[in-house]
């Protein structure tokens, strides 16, 4: 009984955080595909493709959109990136 209550409470917290976010600024606009060139960084790509947005949020979104294990840009790779609206 107690374990069920703990599980239900945990589920509710996860759902609420998912619905309302943890306070991160959303990245507005659509997406595009870019090819990473030698010397590119995710931060540089973020500031180029979404100049009006917080680069940290854009880098986080790039990592999420592309299933990257780390915020690293490999030359030659194509990445889905957010763009400013």
N, C-alpha and C. Protein backbone atom coordinates (compact mmCIF):
# COMPACT_ATOMS: atom_id res chain seq x y z
N UNK A 1 0.82 -1.18 0.00
CA UNK A 1 0.00 0.00 0.00
C UNK A 1 0.87 1.26 0.00
N UNK A 2 1.86 1.29 0.89
CA UNK A 2 2.75 2.44 0.97
C UNK A 2 3.56 2.57 -0.31
N UNK A 3 4.05 1.44 -0.81
CA UNK A 3 4.83 1.46 -2.04
C UNK A 3 4.01 2.00 -3.21
N UNK A 4 2.75 1.66 -3.27
CA UNK A 4 1.86 2.17 -4.32
C UNK A 4 1.69 3.67 -4.22
N UNK A 5 1.59 4.17 -3.00
CA UNK A 5 1.47 5.62 -2.79
C UNK A 5 2.73 6.36 -3.21
N UNK A 6 3.87 5.80 -2.90
CA UNK A 6 5.15 6.40 -3.31
C UNK A 6 5.26 6.39 -4.83
N UNK A 7 4.89 5.30 -5.46
CA UNK A 7 4.96 5.21 -6.92
C UNK A 7 4.02 6.22 -7.57
N UNK A 8 2.82 6.35 -7.04
CA UNK A 8 1.85 7.31 -7.59
C UNK A 8 2.34 8.74 -7.42
N UNK A 9 2.91 9.05 -6.27
CA UNK A 9 3.44 10.40 -6.03
C UNK A 9 4.60 10.71 -6.97
N UNK A 10 5.50 9.76 -7.14
CA UNK A 10 6.64 9.94 -8.05
C UNK A 10 6.15 10.16 -9.46
N UNK A 11 5.18 9.37 -9.90
CA UNK A 11 4.62 9.51 -11.24
C UNK A 11 4.03 10.91 -11.42
N UNK A 12 3.28 11.39 -10.44
CA UNK A 12 2.66 12.70 -10.52
C UNK A 12 3.71 13.81 -10.64
N UNK A 13 4.77 13.72 -9.87
CA UNK A 13 5.85 14.72 -9.94
C UNK A 13 6.49 14.72 -11.32
N UNK A 14 6.77 13.54 -11.86
CA UNK A 14 7.38 13.44 -13.19
C UNK A 14 6.47 14.04 -14.24
N UNK A 15 5.19 13.76 -14.18
CA UNK A 15 4.23 14.30 -15.15
C UNK A 15 4.17 15.81 -15.05
N UNK A 16 4.10 16.36 -13.84
CA UNK A 16 4.03 17.81 -13.66
C UNK A 16 5.29 18.51 -14.15
N UNK A 17 6.44 17.95 -13.88
CA UNK A 17 7.69 18.54 -14.37
C UNK A 17 7.71 18.51 -15.89
N UNK A 18 7.24 17.42 -16.48
CA UNK A 18 7.19 17.32 -17.93
C UNK A 18 6.24 18.32 -18.54
N UNK A 19 5.11 18.58 -17.88
CA UNK A 19 4.12 19.51 -18.42
C UNK A 19 4.56 20.96 -18.26
N UNK A 20 5.12 21.29 -17.13
CA UNK A 20 5.43 22.68 -16.84
C UNK A 20 6.90 23.02 -16.93
N UNK A 21 7.75 22.04 -17.18
CA UNK A 21 9.18 22.28 -17.32
C UNK A 21 9.83 22.56 -15.99
N UNK A 22 11.13 22.62 -16.05
CA UNK A 22 11.90 22.90 -14.83
C UNK A 22 12.42 24.32 -14.82
N UNK A 23 11.78 25.21 -15.59
CA UNK A 23 12.18 26.60 -15.61
C UNK A 23 13.11 26.96 -16.74
N UNK A 24 13.44 26.03 -17.61
CA UNK A 24 14.30 26.34 -18.75
C UNK A 24 13.56 27.22 -19.74
N UNK A 25 14.29 28.10 -20.39
CA UNK A 25 13.70 28.93 -21.42
C UNK A 25 13.50 28.09 -22.67
N UNK A 26 12.30 28.12 -23.24
CA UNK A 26 12.06 27.33 -24.44
C UNK A 26 12.76 27.94 -25.65
N UNK A 27 13.10 27.10 -26.59
CA UNK A 27 13.68 27.55 -27.84
C UNK A 27 12.53 27.64 -28.83
N UNK A 28 12.28 28.85 -29.34
CA UNK A 28 11.15 29.05 -30.25
C UNK A 28 11.58 28.88 -31.69
N UNK A 29 10.62 28.68 -32.57
CA UNK A 29 10.92 28.56 -33.99
C UNK A 29 10.93 27.12 -34.43
N UNK A 30 11.38 26.90 -35.66
CA UNK A 30 11.42 25.56 -36.23
C UNK A 30 12.80 24.95 -36.14
N UNK A 31 13.06 24.03 -37.05
CA UNK A 31 14.38 23.38 -37.10
C UNK A 31 14.89 23.38 -38.53
N UNK A 32 16.16 23.14 -38.66
CA UNK A 32 16.81 22.97 -39.95
C UNK A 32 17.92 21.95 -39.78
N UNK A 33 18.51 21.52 -40.89
CA UNK A 33 19.63 20.58 -40.83
C UNK A 33 20.88 21.31 -41.28
N UNK A 34 21.95 21.18 -40.50
CA UNK A 34 23.23 21.78 -40.86
C UNK A 34 24.31 20.69 -40.84
N UNK A 35 25.33 20.90 -41.66
CA UNK A 35 26.47 20.01 -41.64
C UNK A 35 27.55 20.65 -40.78
N UNK A 36 28.13 19.85 -39.91
CA UNK A 36 29.20 20.34 -39.03
C UNK A 36 30.50 20.37 -39.82
N UNK A 37 31.19 21.52 -39.76
CA UNK A 37 32.47 21.69 -40.43
C UNK A 37 33.59 21.64 -39.41
N UNK A 38 34.79 21.38 -39.85
CA UNK A 38 35.95 21.35 -38.97
C UNK A 38 36.04 22.68 -38.21
N UNK A 39 36.19 22.60 -36.92
CA UNK A 39 36.29 23.80 -36.09
C UNK A 39 34.96 24.26 -35.52
N UNK A 40 33.84 23.72 -36.01
CA UNK A 40 32.53 24.09 -35.48
C UNK A 40 32.37 23.55 -34.07
N UNK A 41 31.64 24.29 -33.27
CA UNK A 41 31.22 23.84 -31.94
C UNK A 41 29.70 23.94 -31.89
N UNK A 42 29.09 23.21 -30.98
CA UNK A 42 27.65 23.32 -30.83
C UNK A 42 27.26 24.73 -30.41
N UNK A 43 28.07 25.35 -29.59
CA UNK A 43 27.80 26.73 -29.16
C UNK A 43 27.81 27.66 -30.37
N UNK A 44 28.79 27.53 -31.24
CA UNK A 44 28.87 28.36 -32.44
C UNK A 44 27.70 28.13 -33.37
N UNK A 45 27.33 26.87 -33.55
CA UNK A 45 26.17 26.54 -34.39
C UNK A 45 24.91 27.13 -33.77
N UNK A 46 24.77 27.04 -32.47
CA UNK A 46 23.60 27.57 -31.77
C UNK A 46 23.47 29.08 -31.96
N UNK A 47 24.56 29.80 -31.82
CA UNK A 47 24.50 31.25 -31.96
C UNK A 47 24.26 31.67 -33.41
N UNK A 48 24.69 30.84 -34.36
CA UNK A 48 24.48 31.13 -35.78
C UNK A 48 23.04 30.87 -36.20
N UNK A 49 22.48 29.77 -35.76
CA UNK A 49 21.16 29.37 -36.24
C UNK A 49 20.00 29.95 -35.42
N UNK A 50 20.26 30.32 -34.18
CA UNK A 50 19.22 30.89 -33.32
C UNK A 50 19.79 32.07 -32.54
N UNK A 51 20.16 33.16 -33.24
CA UNK A 51 20.87 34.27 -32.59
C UNK A 51 20.08 34.97 -31.49
N UNK A 52 18.77 34.91 -31.50
CA UNK A 52 17.99 35.59 -30.48
C UNK A 52 17.70 34.74 -29.26
N UNK A 53 18.21 33.53 -29.23
CA UNK A 53 17.92 32.59 -28.14
C UNK A 53 19.13 32.42 -27.22
N UNK A 54 18.86 31.88 -26.04
CA UNK A 54 19.92 31.56 -25.09
C UNK A 54 20.73 30.39 -25.67
N UNK A 55 22.03 30.58 -25.97
CA UNK A 55 22.82 29.50 -26.57
C UNK A 55 22.83 28.22 -25.75
N UNK A 56 22.78 28.32 -24.42
CA UNK A 56 22.76 27.12 -23.59
C UNK A 56 21.52 26.27 -23.86
N UNK A 57 20.38 26.93 -23.99
CA UNK A 57 19.13 26.21 -24.27
C UNK A 57 19.16 25.60 -25.67
N UNK A 58 19.76 26.33 -26.62
CA UNK A 58 19.83 25.83 -28.00
C UNK A 58 20.76 24.61 -28.06
N UNK A 59 21.91 24.69 -27.41
CA UNK A 59 22.83 23.55 -27.38
C UNK A 59 22.14 22.34 -26.75
N UNK A 60 21.43 22.56 -25.65
CA UNK A 60 20.71 21.46 -24.99
C UNK A 60 19.69 20.85 -25.95
N UNK A 61 19.01 21.69 -26.71
CA UNK A 61 18.01 21.19 -27.66
C UNK A 61 18.66 20.43 -28.81
N UNK A 62 19.83 20.90 -29.28
CA UNK A 62 20.56 20.19 -30.34
C UNK A 62 20.94 18.80 -29.86
N UNK A 63 21.45 18.71 -28.65
CA UNK A 63 21.83 17.42 -28.07
C UNK A 63 20.61 16.51 -28.01
N UNK A 64 19.48 17.06 -27.56
CA UNK A 64 18.25 16.28 -27.44
C UNK A 64 17.72 15.84 -28.81
N UNK A 65 17.67 16.76 -29.78
CA UNK A 65 17.13 16.45 -31.11
C UNK A 65 17.93 15.37 -31.83
N UNK A 66 19.24 15.33 -31.57
CA UNK A 66 20.11 14.42 -32.30
C UNK A 66 20.55 13.21 -31.49
N UNK A 67 20.06 13.08 -30.27
CA UNK A 67 20.41 11.93 -29.44
C UNK A 67 21.90 11.84 -29.15
N UNK A 68 22.52 13.01 -28.98
CA UNK A 68 23.96 13.03 -28.70
C UNK A 68 24.21 12.66 -27.24
N UNK A 69 25.23 11.89 -27.00
CA UNK A 69 25.58 11.53 -25.63
C UNK A 69 26.30 12.65 -24.90
N UNK A 70 26.91 13.55 -25.66
CA UNK A 70 27.66 14.67 -25.10
C UNK A 70 27.53 15.84 -26.07
N UNK A 71 27.69 17.07 -25.58
CA UNK A 71 27.59 18.23 -26.45
C UNK A 71 28.85 18.44 -27.31
N UNK A 72 29.06 17.52 -28.25
CA UNK A 72 30.24 17.55 -29.10
C UNK A 72 29.80 17.54 -30.56
N UNK A 73 30.43 18.39 -31.37
CA UNK A 73 30.12 18.46 -32.80
C UNK A 73 31.22 17.74 -33.58
N UNK A 74 30.85 16.68 -34.30
CA UNK A 74 31.82 15.93 -35.09
C UNK A 74 31.77 16.42 -36.54
N UNK A 75 32.92 16.80 -37.09
CA UNK A 75 32.98 17.31 -38.46
C UNK A 75 32.39 16.29 -39.43
N UNK A 76 31.57 16.79 -40.37
CA UNK A 76 30.97 15.94 -41.38
C UNK A 76 29.58 15.45 -41.02
N UNK A 77 29.24 15.51 -39.76
CA UNK A 77 27.92 15.04 -39.31
C UNK A 77 26.84 16.06 -39.64
N UNK A 78 25.66 15.59 -39.96
CA UNK A 78 24.50 16.45 -40.16
C UNK A 78 23.70 16.48 -38.87
N UNK A 79 23.33 17.67 -38.42
CA UNK A 79 22.59 17.83 -37.19
C UNK A 79 21.28 18.57 -37.44
N UNK A 80 20.24 18.14 -36.77
CA UNK A 80 18.99 18.90 -36.73
C UNK A 80 19.17 19.95 -35.65
N UNK A 81 18.95 21.21 -36.01
CA UNK A 81 19.15 22.31 -35.05
C UNK A 81 17.95 23.24 -35.05
N UNK A 82 17.64 23.83 -33.90
CA UNK A 82 16.55 24.81 -33.85
C UNK A 82 16.98 26.12 -34.51
N UNK A 83 16.01 26.82 -35.07
CA UNK A 83 16.26 28.14 -35.64
C UNK A 83 15.29 29.13 -35.00
N UNK A 84 15.70 30.37 -34.94
CA UNK A 84 14.84 31.41 -34.39
C UNK A 84 13.70 31.68 -35.34
N UNK A 85 12.56 32.04 -34.77
CA UNK A 85 11.41 32.38 -35.61
C UNK A 85 11.45 33.84 -36.03
